[in-house]
N, C-alpha and C. Protein backbone atom coordinates (compact mmCIF):
# COMPACT_ATOMS: atom_id res chain seq x y z
N MET A 1 64.33 129.87 104.23
CA MET A 1 64.55 128.64 103.52
C MET A 1 66.04 128.51 103.20
N ASN A 2 66.64 127.36 103.50
CA ASN A 2 68.05 127.13 103.24
C ASN A 2 68.27 126.73 101.79
N LYS A 3 69.29 127.31 101.21
CA LYS A 3 69.67 126.98 99.83
C LYS A 3 70.35 125.62 99.82
N ILE A 4 70.00 124.80 98.85
CA ILE A 4 70.64 123.51 98.70
C ILE A 4 72.02 123.72 98.08
N ILE A 5 73.04 123.20 98.75
CA ILE A 5 74.41 123.37 98.28
C ILE A 5 74.83 122.11 97.55
N LYS A 6 75.27 122.31 96.29
CA LYS A 6 75.74 121.19 95.48
C LYS A 6 77.21 121.34 95.08
N SER A 7 77.73 122.56 95.21
CA SER A 7 79.13 122.79 94.83
C SER A 7 79.78 123.78 95.79
N VAL A 8 81.03 123.47 96.15
CA VAL A 8 81.76 124.26 97.14
C VAL A 8 83.16 124.54 96.62
N LEU A 9 83.61 125.77 96.83
CA LEU A 9 84.98 126.14 96.54
C LEU A 9 85.61 126.67 97.82
N PHE A 10 86.76 126.11 98.22
CA PHE A 10 87.53 126.62 99.34
C PHE A 10 88.69 127.45 98.78
N VAL A 11 88.93 128.62 99.36
CA VAL A 11 89.99 129.49 98.88
C VAL A 11 90.86 129.96 100.04
N CYS A 12 92.18 129.85 99.85
CA CYS A 12 93.13 130.44 100.79
C CYS A 12 94.24 131.12 99.99
N ASN A 13 95.32 131.47 100.64
CA ASN A 13 96.36 132.25 99.97
C ASN A 13 97.06 131.49 98.85
N LEU A 14 97.53 130.26 99.11
CA LEU A 14 98.38 129.56 98.16
C LEU A 14 97.82 128.24 97.65
N ASN A 15 96.66 127.82 98.10
CA ASN A 15 96.09 126.53 97.72
C ASN A 15 97.10 125.41 97.98
N SER A 16 97.71 125.48 99.18
CA SER A 16 98.71 124.48 99.57
C SER A 16 98.38 123.79 100.88
N VAL A 17 97.72 124.48 101.81
CA VAL A 17 97.47 123.91 103.13
C VAL A 17 95.98 123.94 103.47
N ARG A 18 95.48 125.10 103.88
CA ARG A 18 94.12 125.18 104.40
C ARG A 18 93.04 124.78 103.40
N SER A 19 93.09 125.36 102.22
CA SER A 19 92.04 125.06 101.24
C SER A 19 92.14 123.61 100.74
N VAL A 20 93.36 123.11 100.62
CA VAL A 20 93.55 121.72 100.18
C VAL A 20 93.06 120.76 101.27
N MET A 21 93.36 121.08 102.52
CA MET A 21 92.85 120.26 103.63
C MET A 21 91.33 120.26 103.63
N ALA A 22 90.75 121.45 103.49
CA ALA A 22 89.29 121.56 103.50
C ALA A 22 88.67 120.77 102.36
N GLU A 23 89.24 120.88 101.18
CA GLU A 23 88.74 120.12 100.03
C GLU A 23 88.80 118.62 100.33
N GLY A 24 89.93 118.16 100.83
CA GLY A 24 90.09 116.73 101.13
C GLY A 24 89.13 116.25 102.20
N LEU A 25 88.96 117.06 103.25
CA LEU A 25 88.06 116.67 104.35
C LEU A 25 86.61 116.60 103.89
N LEU A 26 86.17 117.60 103.12
CA LEU A 26 84.78 117.59 102.67
C LEU A 26 84.54 116.48 101.65
N LYS A 27 85.50 116.25 100.79
CA LYS A 27 85.35 115.15 99.83
C LYS A 27 85.25 113.81 100.56
N LYS A 28 86.03 113.65 101.63
CA LYS A 28 85.97 112.40 102.39
C LYS A 28 84.57 112.20 102.97
N GLN A 29 83.96 113.28 103.42
CA GLN A 29 82.64 113.20 104.05
C GLN A 29 81.50 113.11 103.05
N LEU A 30 81.55 113.95 101.99
CA LEU A 30 80.37 114.10 101.13
C LEU A 30 80.69 114.08 99.63
N HIS A 31 81.72 113.40 99.25
CA HIS A 31 82.13 113.40 97.84
C HIS A 31 81.02 112.97 96.90
N SER A 32 80.18 112.07 97.34
CA SER A 32 79.13 111.55 96.45
C SER A 32 77.99 112.54 96.23
N VAL A 33 77.87 113.56 97.07
CA VAL A 33 76.74 114.49 96.91
C VAL A 33 77.16 115.93 96.63
N LEU A 34 78.44 116.24 96.74
CA LEU A 34 78.91 117.60 96.51
C LEU A 34 80.08 117.63 95.53
N HIS A 35 80.11 118.67 94.72
CA HIS A 35 81.29 118.94 93.91
C HIS A 35 82.15 119.90 94.73
N VAL A 36 83.41 119.51 94.99
CA VAL A 36 84.29 120.30 95.86
C VAL A 36 85.60 120.58 95.14
N GLU A 37 86.01 121.84 95.18
CA GLU A 37 87.30 122.25 94.64
C GLU A 37 87.96 123.22 95.61
N SER A 38 89.23 123.52 95.33
CA SER A 38 89.93 124.54 96.11
C SER A 38 90.82 125.34 95.18
N ALA A 39 91.14 126.55 95.63
CA ALA A 39 91.98 127.44 94.83
C ALA A 39 92.74 128.38 95.76
N GLY A 40 93.71 129.05 95.19
CA GLY A 40 94.49 130.02 95.95
C GLY A 40 94.50 131.37 95.27
N VAL A 41 94.82 132.38 96.04
CA VAL A 41 94.99 133.72 95.49
C VAL A 41 96.27 133.76 94.66
N LYS A 42 97.29 133.06 95.16
CA LYS A 42 98.56 132.90 94.44
C LYS A 42 98.82 131.40 94.31
N LYS A 43 99.62 131.04 93.35
CA LYS A 43 99.90 129.61 93.12
C LYS A 43 100.90 129.11 94.15
N GLY A 44 100.56 128.03 94.81
CA GLY A 44 101.43 127.43 95.79
C GLY A 44 102.02 126.12 95.30
N GLU A 45 102.71 125.47 96.19
CA GLU A 45 103.31 124.17 95.90
C GLU A 45 102.82 123.17 96.94
N HIS A 46 103.09 121.91 96.70
CA HIS A 46 102.71 120.88 97.67
C HIS A 46 103.39 121.17 99.01
N ASP A 47 102.67 120.98 100.08
CA ASP A 47 103.19 121.18 101.42
C ASP A 47 103.28 119.81 102.08
N ASN A 48 104.49 119.36 102.35
CA ASN A 48 104.69 118.01 102.87
C ASN A 48 104.09 117.80 104.26
N PHE A 49 104.05 118.84 105.08
CA PHE A 49 103.43 118.70 106.39
C PHE A 49 101.92 118.50 106.24
N ALA A 50 101.30 119.25 105.34
CA ALA A 50 99.86 119.09 105.10
C ALA A 50 99.57 117.68 104.57
N ILE A 51 100.39 117.23 103.65
CA ILE A 51 100.22 115.88 103.10
C ILE A 51 100.31 114.84 104.21
N GLU A 52 101.28 115.02 105.10
CA GLU A 52 101.48 114.05 106.19
C GLU A 52 100.31 114.01 107.17
N VAL A 53 99.85 115.18 107.61
CA VAL A 53 98.77 115.15 108.61
C VAL A 53 97.44 114.70 108.01
N MET A 54 97.26 114.92 106.72
CA MET A 54 96.04 114.42 106.08
C MET A 54 96.12 112.92 105.89
N SER A 55 97.31 112.41 105.59
CA SER A 55 97.45 110.96 105.42
C SER A 55 97.20 110.23 106.74
N GLU A 56 97.40 110.91 107.86
CA GLU A 56 97.11 110.30 109.17
C GLU A 56 95.64 109.92 109.30
N ILE A 57 94.78 110.62 108.58
CA ILE A 57 93.33 110.33 108.64
C ILE A 57 92.84 109.74 107.31
N ASN A 58 93.78 109.17 106.57
CA ASN A 58 93.47 108.48 105.31
C ASN A 58 92.87 109.38 104.23
N VAL A 59 93.38 110.61 104.15
CA VAL A 59 93.01 111.52 103.07
C VAL A 59 94.29 111.85 102.31
N ASP A 60 94.32 111.46 101.05
CA ASP A 60 95.51 111.67 100.22
C ASP A 60 95.37 112.96 99.42
N ILE A 61 96.20 113.94 99.73
CA ILE A 61 96.20 115.21 98.99
C ILE A 61 97.50 115.37 98.20
N SER A 62 98.29 114.32 98.10
CA SER A 62 99.61 114.41 97.48
C SER A 62 99.55 114.69 95.98
N GLU A 63 98.44 114.36 95.34
CA GLU A 63 98.30 114.59 93.89
C GLU A 63 97.44 115.81 93.58
N HIS A 64 97.20 116.64 94.58
CA HIS A 64 96.35 117.83 94.39
C HIS A 64 96.91 118.71 93.28
N GLN A 65 96.03 119.15 92.39
CA GLN A 65 96.40 120.07 91.33
C GLN A 65 96.06 121.49 91.76
N HIS A 66 97.08 122.29 92.00
CA HIS A 66 96.88 123.67 92.46
C HIS A 66 96.24 124.51 91.37
N GLN A 67 95.34 125.39 91.79
CA GLN A 67 94.74 126.30 90.83
C GLN A 67 94.55 127.67 91.47
N LEU A 68 94.52 128.66 90.63
CA LEU A 68 94.31 130.03 91.06
C LEU A 68 92.83 130.38 90.97
N ILE A 69 92.37 131.17 91.92
CA ILE A 69 90.97 131.59 91.88
C ILE A 69 90.70 132.41 90.63
N SER A 70 91.67 133.17 90.18
CA SER A 70 91.47 133.98 88.98
C SER A 70 91.26 133.12 87.73
N ASP A 71 91.74 131.88 87.76
CA ASP A 71 91.57 130.98 86.61
C ASP A 71 90.21 130.29 86.60
N ILE A 72 89.50 130.33 87.71
CA ILE A 72 88.21 129.64 87.76
C ILE A 72 87.05 130.59 88.03
N VAL A 73 87.27 131.86 87.78
CA VAL A 73 86.25 132.86 88.05
C VAL A 73 84.96 132.60 87.26
N ASN A 74 85.05 131.92 86.15
CA ASN A 74 83.86 131.66 85.34
C ASN A 74 83.10 130.40 85.75
N LYS A 75 83.64 129.65 86.70
CA LYS A 75 82.91 128.47 87.20
C LYS A 75 81.85 128.93 88.18
N ASP A 76 80.83 128.13 88.30
CA ASP A 76 79.73 128.46 89.19
C ASP A 76 79.78 127.57 90.43
N PHE A 77 79.79 128.17 91.60
CA PHE A 77 79.76 127.46 92.87
C PHE A 77 78.60 127.98 93.70
N ASP A 78 77.97 127.10 94.44
CA ASP A 78 76.88 127.53 95.32
C ASP A 78 77.42 128.33 96.50
N ILE A 79 78.61 127.94 96.96
CA ILE A 79 79.22 128.67 98.07
C ILE A 79 80.74 128.64 97.92
N VAL A 80 81.33 129.78 98.22
CA VAL A 80 82.79 129.91 98.25
C VAL A 80 83.15 130.18 99.70
N ILE A 81 83.98 129.32 100.26
CA ILE A 81 84.40 129.47 101.66
C ILE A 81 85.85 129.92 101.66
N THR A 82 86.07 131.11 102.20
CA THR A 82 87.43 131.65 102.24
C THR A 82 88.03 131.38 103.61
N LEU A 83 89.35 131.10 103.60
CA LEU A 83 90.02 130.69 104.83
C LEU A 83 91.13 131.64 105.24
N SER A 84 91.21 132.79 104.58
CA SER A 84 92.21 133.80 104.94
C SER A 84 91.65 135.17 104.55
N PRO A 85 92.14 136.23 105.20
CA PRO A 85 91.66 137.58 104.85
C PRO A 85 91.92 137.93 103.39
N GLU A 86 93.08 137.57 102.87
CA GLU A 86 93.40 137.87 101.47
C GLU A 86 92.43 137.14 100.53
N ALA A 87 92.14 135.89 100.81
CA ALA A 87 91.20 135.13 99.99
C ALA A 87 89.80 135.74 100.07
N GLN A 88 89.42 136.20 101.23
CA GLN A 88 88.11 136.84 101.41
C GLN A 88 88.02 138.10 100.53
N HIS A 89 89.04 138.90 100.57
CA HIS A 89 89.05 140.15 99.80
C HIS A 89 88.97 139.86 98.29
N VAL A 90 89.81 138.97 97.81
CA VAL A 90 89.83 138.66 96.38
C VAL A 90 88.51 138.03 95.94
N SER A 91 87.97 137.14 96.74
CA SER A 91 86.70 136.49 96.40
C SER A 91 85.57 137.51 96.32
N LYS A 92 85.55 138.45 97.24
CA LYS A 92 84.52 139.49 97.20
C LYS A 92 84.65 140.34 95.94
N GLU A 93 85.88 140.64 95.55
CA GLU A 93 86.10 141.39 94.31
C GLU A 93 85.55 140.63 93.11
N LEU A 94 85.70 139.32 93.11
CA LEU A 94 85.27 138.51 91.98
C LEU A 94 83.76 138.32 91.90
N THR A 95 83.03 138.67 92.96
CA THR A 95 81.57 138.53 92.92
C THR A 95 80.95 139.52 91.94
N ARG A 96 81.72 140.45 91.46
CA ARG A 96 81.20 141.34 90.41
C ARG A 96 80.90 140.55 89.14
N TYR A 97 81.58 139.43 88.97
CA TYR A 97 81.47 138.65 87.75
C TYR A 97 80.61 137.40 87.90
N ASN A 98 80.19 137.08 89.09
CA ASN A 98 79.42 135.86 89.30
C ASN A 98 78.50 136.02 90.50
N SER A 99 77.78 134.97 90.82
CA SER A 99 76.80 135.07 91.92
C SER A 99 77.20 134.21 93.11
N TRP A 100 78.48 134.14 93.38
CA TRP A 100 78.95 133.32 94.50
C TRP A 100 78.43 133.84 95.83
N GLU A 101 77.99 132.92 96.67
CA GLU A 101 77.76 133.24 98.08
C GLU A 101 79.09 133.00 98.77
N ILE A 102 79.55 133.98 99.53
CA ILE A 102 80.87 133.86 100.16
C ILE A 102 80.71 133.80 101.67
N GLU A 103 81.42 132.86 102.27
CA GLU A 103 81.44 132.71 103.73
C GLU A 103 82.89 132.68 104.18
N TYR A 104 83.20 133.38 105.25
CA TYR A 104 84.58 133.48 105.74
C TYR A 104 84.75 132.61 106.97
N TRP A 105 85.72 131.68 106.90
CA TRP A 105 86.11 130.85 108.03
C TRP A 105 87.55 131.20 108.37
N PRO A 106 87.79 132.11 109.29
CA PRO A 106 89.18 132.45 109.61
C PRO A 106 89.91 131.26 110.21
N CYS A 107 91.01 130.90 109.59
CA CYS A 107 91.82 129.78 110.04
C CYS A 107 93.27 130.22 110.16
N TYR A 108 93.92 129.71 111.17
CA TYR A 108 95.32 130.04 111.43
C TYR A 108 96.20 129.63 110.26
N ASP A 109 97.12 130.50 109.86
CA ASP A 109 98.07 130.22 108.78
C ASP A 109 99.30 129.57 109.38
N VAL A 110 99.46 128.28 109.15
CA VAL A 110 100.58 127.54 109.72
C VAL A 110 101.83 127.57 108.85
N SER A 111 101.73 128.13 107.66
CA SER A 111 102.86 128.07 106.73
C SER A 111 104.12 128.77 107.23
N ASN A 112 103.97 129.72 108.13
CA ASN A 112 105.14 130.42 108.66
C ASN A 112 105.49 130.00 110.09
N PHE A 113 104.85 128.93 110.58
CA PHE A 113 105.12 128.46 111.93
C PHE A 113 106.50 127.81 111.99
N HIS A 114 107.23 128.12 113.04
CA HIS A 114 108.57 127.55 113.23
C HIS A 114 108.61 126.78 114.54
N GLY A 115 109.45 125.78 114.58
CA GLY A 115 109.61 124.96 115.77
C GLY A 115 110.16 123.62 115.37
N SER A 116 110.09 122.69 116.30
CA SER A 116 110.55 121.33 115.98
C SER A 116 109.57 120.69 115.00
N ARG A 117 109.99 119.61 114.40
CA ARG A 117 109.13 118.90 113.46
C ARG A 117 107.80 118.53 114.12
N GLU A 118 107.86 118.03 115.35
CA GLU A 118 106.63 117.63 116.04
C GLU A 118 105.75 118.84 116.35
N GLN A 119 106.34 119.98 116.71
CA GLN A 119 105.56 121.18 116.96
C GLN A 119 104.86 121.66 115.68
N ILE A 120 105.57 121.60 114.57
CA ILE A 120 104.98 122.01 113.29
C ILE A 120 103.83 121.07 112.93
N LEU A 121 104.06 119.77 113.05
CA LEU A 121 103.00 118.81 112.75
C LEU A 121 101.79 119.02 113.66
N SER A 122 102.05 119.33 114.90
CA SER A 122 100.96 119.58 115.85
C SER A 122 100.14 120.80 115.42
N SER A 123 100.80 121.84 114.94
CA SER A 123 100.07 123.03 114.49
C SER A 123 99.23 122.72 113.25
N TYR A 124 99.76 121.90 112.36
CA TYR A 124 99.00 121.49 111.17
C TYR A 124 97.79 120.64 111.58
N ARG A 125 97.98 119.77 112.57
CA ARG A 125 96.85 118.95 113.04
C ARG A 125 95.75 119.83 113.64
N GLU A 126 96.16 120.87 114.36
CA GLU A 126 95.18 121.79 114.94
C GLU A 126 94.34 122.46 113.86
N VAL A 127 95.00 122.91 112.80
CA VAL A 127 94.28 123.55 111.70
C VAL A 127 93.36 122.54 111.02
N ARG A 128 93.86 121.33 110.81
CA ARG A 128 93.04 120.27 110.19
C ARG A 128 91.78 120.05 111.01
N GLU A 129 91.93 119.95 112.32
CA GLU A 129 90.77 119.70 113.19
C GLU A 129 89.84 120.91 113.25
N GLN A 130 90.40 122.11 113.22
CA GLN A 130 89.58 123.32 113.20
C GLN A 130 88.70 123.33 111.94
N ILE A 131 89.31 123.06 110.81
CA ILE A 131 88.57 123.03 109.55
C ILE A 131 87.53 121.91 109.56
N ASN A 132 87.90 120.75 110.06
CA ASN A 132 86.97 119.62 110.12
C ASN A 132 85.75 119.96 110.97
N LYS A 133 85.93 120.62 112.09
CA LYS A 133 84.80 121.02 112.94
C LYS A 133 83.88 121.98 112.21
N LEU A 134 84.46 122.92 111.46
CA LEU A 134 83.65 123.87 110.70
C LEU A 134 82.88 123.16 109.59
N ILE A 135 83.50 122.18 108.95
CA ILE A 135 82.83 121.41 107.91
C ILE A 135 81.66 120.63 108.49
N ILE A 136 81.88 119.99 109.62
CA ILE A 136 80.81 119.22 110.26
C ILE A 136 79.66 120.14 110.62
N LYS A 137 79.98 121.29 111.19
CA LYS A 137 78.94 122.24 111.59
C LYS A 137 78.14 122.73 110.38
N LYS A 138 78.81 123.02 109.28
CA LYS A 138 78.15 123.59 108.11
C LYS A 138 77.44 122.53 107.26
N PHE A 139 78.05 121.38 107.06
CA PHE A 139 77.55 120.45 106.06
C PHE A 139 76.99 119.14 106.62
N ILE A 140 77.36 118.76 107.84
CA ILE A 140 76.98 117.45 108.36
C ILE A 140 75.86 117.55 109.40
N SER A 141 75.96 118.50 110.32
CA SER A 141 74.96 118.57 111.39
C SER A 141 73.65 119.16 110.96
């Protein structure tokens, strides 16, 4: 029997790119039926490339409020989806304090990618599409 999911937390390293994209994408699809948040292992800052590629698909993440996973350990989520090895490790450690179901979606870290502006944007678009496919597979299909 499948558990009904009503709340989702996405976690990555800095809560600047992958987890913020995932939060925005899932909210665009299912905001009316799911509570969705994102957090980071460490506090990040707004990433202008992430903001730009999300705005291409009419998802505004420019006002995202960054949060640390350690600050929300007392919140209850039906599923925590981690998007980096570090986030997976920290989330597993935190399950001692809560009953989170954790699922790992390995996603490429574009934050250290170098190249021309268009190459960087292209790498961000690839990650956005990778995350979107995983969201569709998990929550839509």
